[in-house]
Amino acid sequence: MSAEFTLILAVVLGLYMAFSIGANDVANAMGTSVGSKALTIKQAILIAAVLEFLGAFLVGGQVTKTVRGGILDPVVSASAPELIVYGMLASLMAAGTWLVVASRLGWPVSTTHSIVGAIAGFGMVAFGTSVVQWEQLIQIVASWIVSPLLSGALAYLIYSAIKWTILRHPDPVRKTKKWAPLYIFFVVVVIALVTLFKGLKNIDLDLSLMESLLWSGILGIFAVIAGYFLLGMIGNRSESDATDAPSDDAQMAIVEKMFGVLQIMSACAVAFAHGSNDVANAIGPLAAVVNISQSGVVNPESAVPAWLLLVGGIGIVIGLATMGYRVMATIGTKITELTPTRGYSAEFAAALTIVLASRLGLPISTTQTLVGGVMGVGLAQGVKALDLSILGRIAASWIVTVPVGALLAIVFFYLFRAVL
């Protein structure tokens, strides 16, 4: 087969993988918002589409380099570029197929598990077990354990802080007007940092650490001012609608309505961060194929062309718009009962964890991070608030994802090598 055909096939499979990511992982960004009724499904898909695309296109290059060059030993794999091409095509096909199957079944599996397992699987049959950089792989696997624990702990602390500063106060509406702008500040700073920390090199804007922190803080202050007036309007309107002094339940309803604004903002942070992190699972292997097709050699450090990130962003948007709703219900409604205050806590904790991993170039599982956040807010209410049977099924789907991805990649590797 010609190099042109191989390149076209790679783009198609990269788009297919990105589509499968959108189909499965939209629940991670918007499932809690839908579950708490802060957003409708249509609103969630529209917001996620914009933020996922921007995250993928603007800041998706850092983790992409880890996926395409950090799993296999570049010295060994560089000896046979054609095998890398077949293997990366097989990895995209294998991971994408498994994710589409899981999405049809409503299972929130990890796209990162899928692609990493697939790359390791083809690498072992193509070059032998020694080609797998087990130390790097162990670090990635460790992040799968650390990320839900860290996200869960942060969500527990954030929700506990909301309970102590707002929910348990005799006048929770007044306390929400006081404290919620501070929570808005943190969310906006996180959204800004995930963008500015990496310097937006794809659009030739490279800021230092201090410049990124400064601009993030300025944006956060503007958001606090806007949020103060917006939340005040919501609270005042809700209180004026009540003919008598609001009862405790009515006050809680007002508080949750006000926190709906914060949850939407935190969902935006997760969607943007998810796009910046998980686009690597589709574009990493595709970038390797494109680089080899153009240069004839394996170079994991080569720059990621902007048009590849564009392909990834488009694929994610199409997937979440057409199949994403199937997985939303699992995280949004089945693990624990969610309200806007709980959803905000889970999403903000997940966003913090994803931003840290994205900064370090670690391809963590957004699925596990968000599930960890939801578990954290559930534990803040007591173990009985969690549906342990659902968590057990989710854990089982995580366990089988890596071996399934590896086995499918081996099958497709031999297929592509025979055909191409």
Protein backbone atom coordinates (compact mmCIF):
# COMPACT_ATOMS: atom_id res chain seq x y z
CA MET A 1 0.00 0.00 0.00
CA SER A 2 1.15 3.56 -0.68
CA ALA A 3 2.25 5.96 2.00
CA GLU A 4 -0.64 8.24 1.06
CA PHE A 5 -3.17 5.48 1.70
CA THR A 6 -1.55 4.66 5.04
CA LEU A 7 -1.67 8.30 6.07
CA ILE A 8 -5.35 8.61 5.11
CA LEU A 9 -6.13 5.40 7.03
CA ALA A 10 -4.28 6.77 10.06
CA VAL A 11 -6.32 9.99 10.01
CA VAL A 12 -9.57 8.03 9.70
CA LEU A 13 -8.63 5.76 12.62
CA GLY A 14 -7.46 8.75 14.68
CA LEU A 15 -10.83 10.38 14.07
CA TYR A 16 -12.53 7.09 15.01
CA MET A 17 -10.59 6.91 18.26
CA ALA A 18 -11.38 10.55 19.07
CA PHE A 19 -15.05 9.81 18.33
CA SER A 20 -14.99 6.90 20.77
CA ILE A 21 -13.40 9.11 23.43
CA GLY A 22 -16.21 11.62 23.06
CA ALA A 23 -18.80 8.84 23.16
CA ASN A 24 -17.49 7.42 26.43
CA ASP A 25 -15.82 10.23 28.34
CA VAL A 26 -18.45 12.97 28.03
CA ALA A 27 -19.87 11.54 31.26
CA ASN A 28 -16.69 12.56 33.04
CA ALA A 29 -17.16 16.21 32.17
CA MET A 30 -20.92 16.63 32.29
CA GLY A 31 -22.49 13.57 33.92
CA THR A 32 -22.65 15.09 37.39
CA SER A 33 -24.19 18.31 36.06
CA VAL A 34 -26.94 16.34 34.35
CA GLY A 35 -27.39 14.11 37.39
CA SER A 36 -27.85 17.11 39.70
CA LYS A 37 -30.16 18.75 37.12
CA ALA A 38 -27.92 21.82 36.82
CA LEU A 39 -27.92 21.18 33.06
CA THR A 40 -30.09 19.32 30.60
CA ILE A 41 -28.45 16.72 28.37
CA LYS A 42 -28.62 19.03 25.35
CA GLN A 43 -27.08 21.92 27.28
CA ALA A 44 -24.35 19.63 28.65
CA ILE A 45 -23.44 18.32 25.21
CA LEU A 46 -23.29 21.85 23.74
CA ILE A 47 -21.08 23.23 26.52
CA ALA A 48 -18.85 20.15 26.54
CA ALA A 49 -18.46 20.30 22.77
CA VAL A 50 -17.03 23.83 22.92
CA LEU A 51 -14.77 23.30 25.95
CA GLU A 52 -13.54 19.82 24.98
CA PHE A 53 -12.59 21.10 21.53
CA LEU A 54 -10.75 24.14 22.90
CA GLY A 55 -8.87 22.05 25.45
CA ALA A 56 -7.84 19.52 22.82
CA PHE A 57 -6.79 22.06 20.22
CA LEU A 58 -5.09 24.66 22.42
CA VAL A 59 -3.24 22.61 25.04
CA GLY A 60 -3.40 18.96 23.97
CA GLY A 61 0.17 18.58 22.73
CA GLN A 62 2.03 17.93 26.00
CA VAL A 63 0.38 14.63 26.95
CA THR A 64 0.31 13.58 23.28
CA LYS A 65 4.09 13.26 23.35
CA THR A 66 3.89 10.92 26.36
CA VAL A 67 1.42 8.57 24.70
CA ARG A 68 3.24 8.26 21.38
CA GLY A 69 6.78 8.04 22.77
CA GLY A 70 6.64 7.08 26.43
CA ILE A 71 5.26 3.52 26.34
CA LEU A 72 7.79 1.77 24.07
CA ASP A 73 11.59 2.03 24.11
CA PRO A 74 12.33 4.54 21.29
CA VAL A 75 15.77 3.03 20.62
CA VAL A 76 14.38 -0.45 19.96
CA SER A 77 11.24 0.66 18.15
CA ALA A 78 13.20 3.07 15.91
CA SER A 79 14.83 0.08 14.22
CA ALA A 80 11.59 -0.83 12.44
CA PRO A 81 9.45 2.23 11.63
CA GLU A 82 7.05 0.19 9.50
CA LEU A 83 6.16 -1.98 12.50
CA ILE A 84 5.43 1.16 14.52
CA VAL A 85 3.06 2.32 11.77
CA TYR A 86 1.18 -1.00 11.79
CA GLY A 87 1.14 -1.04 15.57
CA MET A 88 -0.15 2.49 16.00
CA LEU A 89 -2.90 1.86 13.44
CA ALA A 90 -3.79 -1.32 15.32
CA SER A 91 -3.80 0.54 18.63
CA LEU A 92 -6.22 3.17 17.35
CA MET A 93 -8.51 0.51 15.89
CA ALA A 94 -8.37 -1.68 19.01
CA ALA A 95 -8.94 1.05 21.59
CA GLY A 96 -11.63 2.75 19.51
CA THR A 97 -13.52 -0.52 19.01
CA TRP A 98 -13.49 -1.38 22.71
CA LEU A 99 -14.63 2.10 23.68
CA VAL A 100 -17.53 2.04 21.23
CA VAL A 101 -18.64 -1.34 22.61
CA ALA A 102 -18.37 -0.05 26.19
CA SER A 103 -20.28 3.11 25.28
CA ARG A 104 -23.10 1.09 23.74
CA LEU A 105 -23.32 -0.82 27.03
CA GLY A 106 -23.13 2.35 29.14
CA TRP A 107 -19.82 1.41 30.79
CA PRO A 108 -17.59 4.36 31.79
CA VAL A 109 -14.22 2.77 30.96
CA SER A 110 -10.88 4.51 30.66
CA THR A 111 -9.76 5.67 27.24
CA THR A 112 -6.24 5.98 28.63
CA HIS A 113 -6.26 2.36 29.80
CA SER A 114 -7.45 1.33 26.36
CA ILE A 115 -4.74 3.04 24.30
CA VAL A 116 -1.87 2.35 26.69
CA GLY A 117 -2.83 -1.35 26.86
CA ALA A 118 -3.11 -1.45 23.07
CA ILE A 119 0.33 0.12 22.50
CA ALA A 120 1.96 -2.20 25.03
CA GLY A 121 0.19 -5.21 23.46
CA PHE A 122 1.37 -4.64 19.89
CA GLY A 123 4.84 -3.67 21.16
CA MET A 124 5.32 -7.00 22.88
CA VAL A 125 4.46 -9.06 19.77
CA ALA A 126 6.32 -6.76 17.39
CA PHE A 127 9.56 -6.27 19.35
CA GLY A 128 9.37 -8.47 22.44
CA THR A 129 8.53 -7.69 26.06
CA SER A 130 11.78 -5.78 26.57
CA VAL A 131 10.59 -2.94 24.31
CA VAL A 132 7.91 -1.91 26.80
CA GLN A 133 9.25 0.78 29.11
CA TRP A 134 7.92 -0.90 32.22
CA GLU A 135 9.16 1.85 34.55
CA GLN A 136 7.22 4.46 32.58
CA LEU A 137 4.24 2.12 32.38
CA ILE A 138 4.34 1.55 36.14
CA GLN A 139 4.33 5.32 36.68
CA ILE A 140 1.25 5.62 34.46
CA VAL A 141 -0.45 2.72 36.24
CA ALA A 142 0.40 4.32 39.58
CA SER A 143 -1.30 7.50 38.40
CA TRP A 144 -4.46 5.44 37.79
CA ILE A 145 -4.41 4.57 41.50
CA VAL A 146 -3.27 7.94 42.80
CA SER A 147 -5.62 10.07 40.66
CA PRO A 148 -8.95 8.73 42.03
CA LEU A 149 -7.57 8.77 45.58
CA LEU A 150 -6.34 12.36 45.21
CA SER A 151 -9.55 13.47 43.51
CA GLY A 152 -11.66 11.72 46.15
CA ALA A 153 -9.73 13.33 48.99
CA LEU A 154 -10.00 16.79 47.41
CA ALA A 155 -13.73 16.34 46.77
CA TYR A 156 -14.25 15.23 50.37
CA LEU A 157 -12.42 18.32 51.66
CA ILE A 158 -14.17 20.72 49.26
CA TYR A 159 -17.65 19.42 50.08
CA SER A 160 -16.84 19.37 53.81
CA ALA A 161 -15.74 23.02 53.54
CA ILE A 162 -19.03 23.90 51.81
CA LYS A 163 -20.98 22.12 54.53
CA TRP A 164 -19.18 23.93 57.34
CA THR A 165 -19.16 27.38 55.74
CA ILE A 166 -22.64 27.32 54.16
CA LEU A 167 -24.96 24.34 54.50
CA ARG A 168 -24.88 24.04 58.31
CA HIS A 169 -25.25 27.77 58.92
CA PRO A 170 -28.62 29.11 60.18
CA ASP A 171 -28.76 31.46 57.17
CA PRO A 172 -27.22 29.43 54.31
CA VAL A 173 -28.44 31.80 51.57
CA ARG A 174 -26.57 34.75 53.05
CA LYS A 175 -23.48 32.58 53.56
CA THR A 176 -23.65 31.40 49.95
CA LYS A 177 -23.61 35.01 48.76
CA LYS A 178 -20.53 35.53 50.92
CA TRP A 179 -18.53 32.37 50.18
CA ALA A 180 -19.58 31.28 46.69
CA PRO A 181 -17.59 34.03 44.90
CA LEU A 182 -14.45 32.57 46.50
CA TYR A 183 -15.31 29.14 45.09
CA ILE A 184 -15.87 30.81 41.70
CA PHE A 185 -12.41 32.37 41.96
CA PHE A 186 -10.78 28.97 42.43
CA VAL A 187 -12.61 27.42 39.47
CA VAL A 188 -11.72 30.26 37.09
CA VAL A 189 -8.09 30.22 38.19
CA VAL A 190 -7.91 26.49 37.47
CA ILE A 191 -9.47 26.93 34.02
CA ALA A 192 -7.02 29.75 33.27
CA LEU A 193 -3.98 27.89 34.59
CA VAL A 194 -4.56 24.77 32.52
CA THR A 195 -4.51 27.10 29.52
CA LEU A 196 -1.72 29.50 30.45
CA PHE A 197 0.59 27.13 32.35
CA LYS A 198 1.49 25.39 29.11
CA GLY A 199 1.95 28.69 27.32
CA LEU A 200 -0.46 28.05 24.46
CA LYS A 201 2.53 27.19 22.26
CA ASN A 202 0.20 26.07 19.48
CA ILE A 203 -0.80 29.72 18.97
CA ASP A 204 2.68 31.11 19.72
CA LEU A 205 1.88 32.40 23.20
CA ASP A 206 4.37 31.24 25.81
CA LEU A 207 3.99 32.72 29.29
CA SER A 208 6.22 32.15 32.30
CA LEU A 209 4.94 30.63 35.53
CA MET A 210 4.57 34.01 37.23
CA GLU A 211 2.86 35.55 34.20
CA SER A 212 0.42 32.62 34.07
CA LEU A 213 -0.37 32.96 37.78
CA LEU A 214 -0.82 36.73 37.43
CA TRP A 215 -3.23 36.53 34.49
CA SER A 216 -5.14 33.67 36.11
CA GLY A 217 -5.56 35.72 39.27
CA ILE A 218 -6.78 38.74 37.29
CA LEU A 219 -9.35 36.62 35.45
CA GLY A 220 -10.39 35.10 38.76
CA ILE A 221 -10.99 38.54 40.29
CA PHE A 222 -13.19 39.60 37.36
CA ALA A 223 -15.12 36.34 37.74
CA VAL A 224 -15.61 36.99 41.46
CA ILE A 225 -17.09 40.41 40.74
CA ALA A 226 -19.43 39.04 38.08
CA GLY A 227 -20.32 36.03 40.24
CA TYR A 228 -21.10 38.19 43.25
CA PHE A 229 -23.76 40.13 41.38
CA LEU A 230 -25.11 37.08 39.53
CA LEU A 231 -25.48 34.97 42.66
CA GLY A 232 -26.98 37.92 44.51
CA MET A 233 -29.60 38.31 41.80
CA ILE A 234 -30.47 34.60 41.91
CA GLY A 235 -30.71 34.58 45.69
CA ASN A 236 -32.72 37.79 45.92
CA ARG A 237 -35.15 36.69 43.19
CA SER A 238 -35.68 33.30 44.84
CA GLU A 239 -36.28 34.88 48.23
CA SER A 240 -38.67 37.48 46.82
CA ASP A 241 -40.70 34.71 45.16
CA ALA A 242 -41.45 33.28 48.61
CA THR A 243 -44.48 34.93 50.27
CA ASP A 244 -43.22 34.12 53.76
CA ALA A 245 -39.80 33.69 55.29
CA PRO A 246 -38.18 30.75 53.49
CA SER A 247 -38.27 27.46 55.38
CA ASP A 248 -35.09 25.45 55.90
CA ASP A 249 -35.89 23.29 52.86
CA ALA A 250 -36.64 26.36 50.78
CA GLN A 251 -33.34 27.95 51.80
CA MET A 252 -31.48 24.77 50.83
CA ALA A 253 -33.25 24.82 47.46
CA ILE A 254 -32.10 28.42 46.93
CA VAL A 255 -28.54 27.52 47.89
CA GLU A 256 -28.50 24.57 45.47
CA LYS A 257 -29.90 26.80 42.73
CA MET A 258 -27.11 29.30 43.32
CA PHE A 259 -24.51 26.53 43.33
CA GLY A 260 -25.89 25.36 39.99
CA VAL A 261 -23.97 28.29 38.50
CA LEU A 262 -20.76 27.11 40.17
CA GLN A 263 -21.31 23.55 39.06
CA ILE A 264 -21.67 24.61 35.45
CA MET A 265 -18.39 26.51 35.80
CA SER A 266 -16.66 23.50 37.36
CA ALA A 267 -18.06 21.28 34.60
CA CYS A 268 -16.49 23.66 32.10
CA ALA A 269 -13.16 23.27 33.90
CA VAL A 270 -13.40 19.47 33.71
CA ALA A 271 -14.42 19.53 30.03
CA PHE A 272 -11.51 21.80 29.10
CA ALA A 273 -9.03 19.84 31.17
CA HIS A 274 -10.36 16.55 29.80
CA GLY A 275 -9.96 17.76 26.24
CA SER A 276 -6.38 18.83 26.95
CA ASN A 277 -5.52 15.45 28.51
CA ASP A 278 -7.48 12.78 26.64
CA VAL A 279 -6.98 14.03 23.09
CA ALA A 280 -3.54 12.42 23.45
CA ASN A 281 -5.15 8.99 23.38
CA ALA A 282 -6.26 9.57 19.80
CA ILE A 283 -3.62 11.93 18.48
CA GLY A 284 -0.51 10.34 20.06
CA PRO A 285 -0.54 7.23 17.83
CA LEU A 286 -1.73 9.28 14.83
CA ALA A 287 1.14 11.76 15.28
CA ALA A 288 3.62 8.87 15.29
CA VAL A 289 2.25 7.54 11.99
CA VAL A 290 2.26 10.99 10.38
CA ASN A 291 5.82 11.64 11.51
CA ILE A 292 7.08 8.31 10.14
CA SER A 293 5.19 8.77 6.87
CA GLN A 294 6.77 12.18 6.35
CA SER A 295 10.31 11.52 7.59
CA GLY A 296 10.72 7.74 7.43
CA VAL A 297 12.09 7.61 11.00
CA VAL A 298 10.65 7.38 14.51
CA ASN A 299 10.92 10.68 16.40
CA PRO A 300 8.71 10.90 19.52
CA GLU A 301 9.97 14.44 20.21
CA SER A 302 8.78 15.95 16.94
CA ALA A 303 6.22 18.74 17.20
CA VAL A 304 2.55 17.81 17.03
CA PRO A 305 0.99 19.56 14.02
CA ALA A 306 -1.96 21.76 14.92
CA TRP A 307 -4.16 20.05 12.32
CA LEU A 308 -3.85 16.75 14.22
CA LEU A 309 -5.19 18.39 17.37
CA LEU A 310 -7.98 19.79 15.21
CA VAL A 311 -8.83 16.26 14.04
CA GLY A 312 -8.89 15.08 17.65
CA GLY A 313 -11.09 17.93 18.80
CA ILE A 314 -13.60 17.37 15.99
CA GLY A 315 -13.78 13.64 16.66
CA ILE A 316 -14.40 14.15 20.37
CA VAL A 317 -17.22 16.60 19.68
CA ILE A 318 -18.95 14.25 17.21
CA GLY A 319 -18.68 11.32 19.61
CA LEU A 320 -20.10 13.11 22.63
CA ALA A 321 -22.91 14.63 20.56
CA THR A 322 -24.08 11.29 19.15
CA MET A 323 -23.35 8.63 21.80
CA GLY A 324 -22.24 10.43 24.96
CA TYR A 325 -25.65 10.34 26.64
CA ARG A 326 -25.42 6.56 27.06
CA VAL A 327 -22.66 6.77 29.67
CA MET A 328 -23.79 9.98 31.40
CA ALA A 329 -26.34 8.29 33.65
CA THR A 330 -23.80 5.98 35.31
CA ILE A 331 -21.61 8.68 36.83
CA GLY A 332 -24.35 11.31 37.12
CA THR A 333 -27.07 9.31 38.85
CA LYS A 334 -26.04 5.80 39.89
CA ILE A 335 -23.02 6.10 42.19
CA THR A 336 -24.55 8.49 44.72
CA GLU A 337 -27.28 11.12 44.83
CA LEU A 338 -25.89 14.38 43.51
CA THR A 339 -26.90 17.98 44.10
CA PRO A 340 -25.19 21.07 42.66
CA THR A 341 -23.07 21.51 45.80
CA ARG A 342 -21.92 17.88 45.63
CA GLY A 343 -21.49 17.96 41.87
CA TYR A 344 -19.41 21.13 42.10
CA SER A 345 -17.17 19.53 44.71
CA ALA A 346 -16.61 16.38 42.64
CA GLU A 347 -15.99 18.24 39.39
CA PHE A 348 -13.72 20.87 40.90
CA ALA A 349 -11.64 18.16 42.60
CA ALA A 350 -11.39 16.25 39.33
CA ALA A 351 -10.38 19.41 37.46
CA LEU A 352 -7.60 20.12 39.95
CA THR A 353 -6.29 16.57 39.60
CA ILE A 354 -6.46 16.62 35.79
CA VAL A 355 -4.71 20.00 35.60
CA LEU A 356 -1.85 18.69 37.74
CA ALA A 357 -1.50 15.55 35.60
CA SER A 358 -1.71 17.53 32.38
CA ARG A 359 1.02 19.86 33.62
CA LEU A 360 3.25 16.85 34.40
CA GLY A 361 2.47 15.18 31.07
CA LEU A 362 0.83 12.13 32.69
CA PRO A 363 -2.02 10.53 30.70
CA ILE A 364 -4.25 9.79 33.68
CA SER A 365 -7.72 8.33 33.48
CA THR A 366 -10.34 11.07 33.56
CA THR A 367 -12.93 8.39 34.25
CA GLN A 368 -11.19 7.25 37.40
CA THR A 369 -10.52 10.82 38.48
CA LEU A 370 -14.18 11.84 38.22
CA VAL A 371 -15.43 8.63 39.82
CA GLY A 372 -12.99 9.28 42.65
CA GLY A 373 -14.44 12.77 43.07
CA VAL A 374 -18.02 11.44 43.15
CA MET A 375 -16.98 8.82 45.70
CA GLY A 376 -15.39 11.56 47.81
CA VAL A 377 -18.60 13.58 48.10
CA GLY A 378 -20.50 10.36 48.74
CA LEU A 379 -18.18 9.45 51.60
CA ALA A 380 -18.67 12.94 53.04
CA GLN A 381 -22.28 11.85 53.62
CA GLY A 382 -21.38 8.36 54.86
CA VAL A 383 -20.60 5.05 53.16
CA LYS A 384 -24.31 4.22 52.89
CA ALA A 385 -24.71 7.10 50.44
CA LEU A 386 -22.67 5.13 47.87
CA ASP A 387 -24.02 2.35 45.65
CA LEU A 388 -21.23 -0.16 46.16
CA SER A 389 -22.63 -2.59 43.59
CA ILE A 390 -22.34 0.04 40.85
CA LEU A 391 -18.82 0.89 41.98
CA GLY A 392 -17.95 -2.81 41.81
CA ARG A 393 -19.13 -3.05 38.21
CA ILE A 394 -17.22 0.08 37.27
CA ALA A 395 -14.06 -1.33 38.85
CA ALA A 396 -14.53 -4.61 36.95
CA SER A 397 -14.85 -2.73 33.65
CA TRP A 398 -11.60 -0.90 34.43
CA ILE A 399 -9.76 -4.17 35.13
CA VAL A 400 -10.70 -5.81 31.81
CA THR A 401 -9.99 -2.72 29.69
CA VAL A 402 -6.18 -3.05 29.58
CA PRO A 403 -6.05 -6.74 28.57
CA VAL A 404 -8.90 -6.31 26.06
CA GLY A 405 -7.11 -3.36 24.48
CA ALA A 406 -3.86 -5.33 24.29
CA LEU A 407 -5.48 -8.46 22.77
CA LEU A 408 -7.43 -6.49 20.17
CA ALA A 409 -4.29 -4.55 19.22
CA ILE A 410 -2.37 -7.80 18.67
CA VAL A 411 -5.12 -9.08 16.35
CA PHE A 412 -5.30 -5.84 14.38
CA PHE A 413 -1.48 -5.59 14.26
CA TYR A 414 -1.19 -8.90 12.43
CA LEU A 415 -4.12 -7.90 10.19
CA PHE A 416 -2.60 -4.57 9.16
CA ARG A 417 0.84 -6.08 8.66
CA ALA A 418 -0.65 -8.72 6.36
CA VAL A 419 -2.81 -6.27 4.37
CA LEU A 420 -0.55 -3.19 4.19
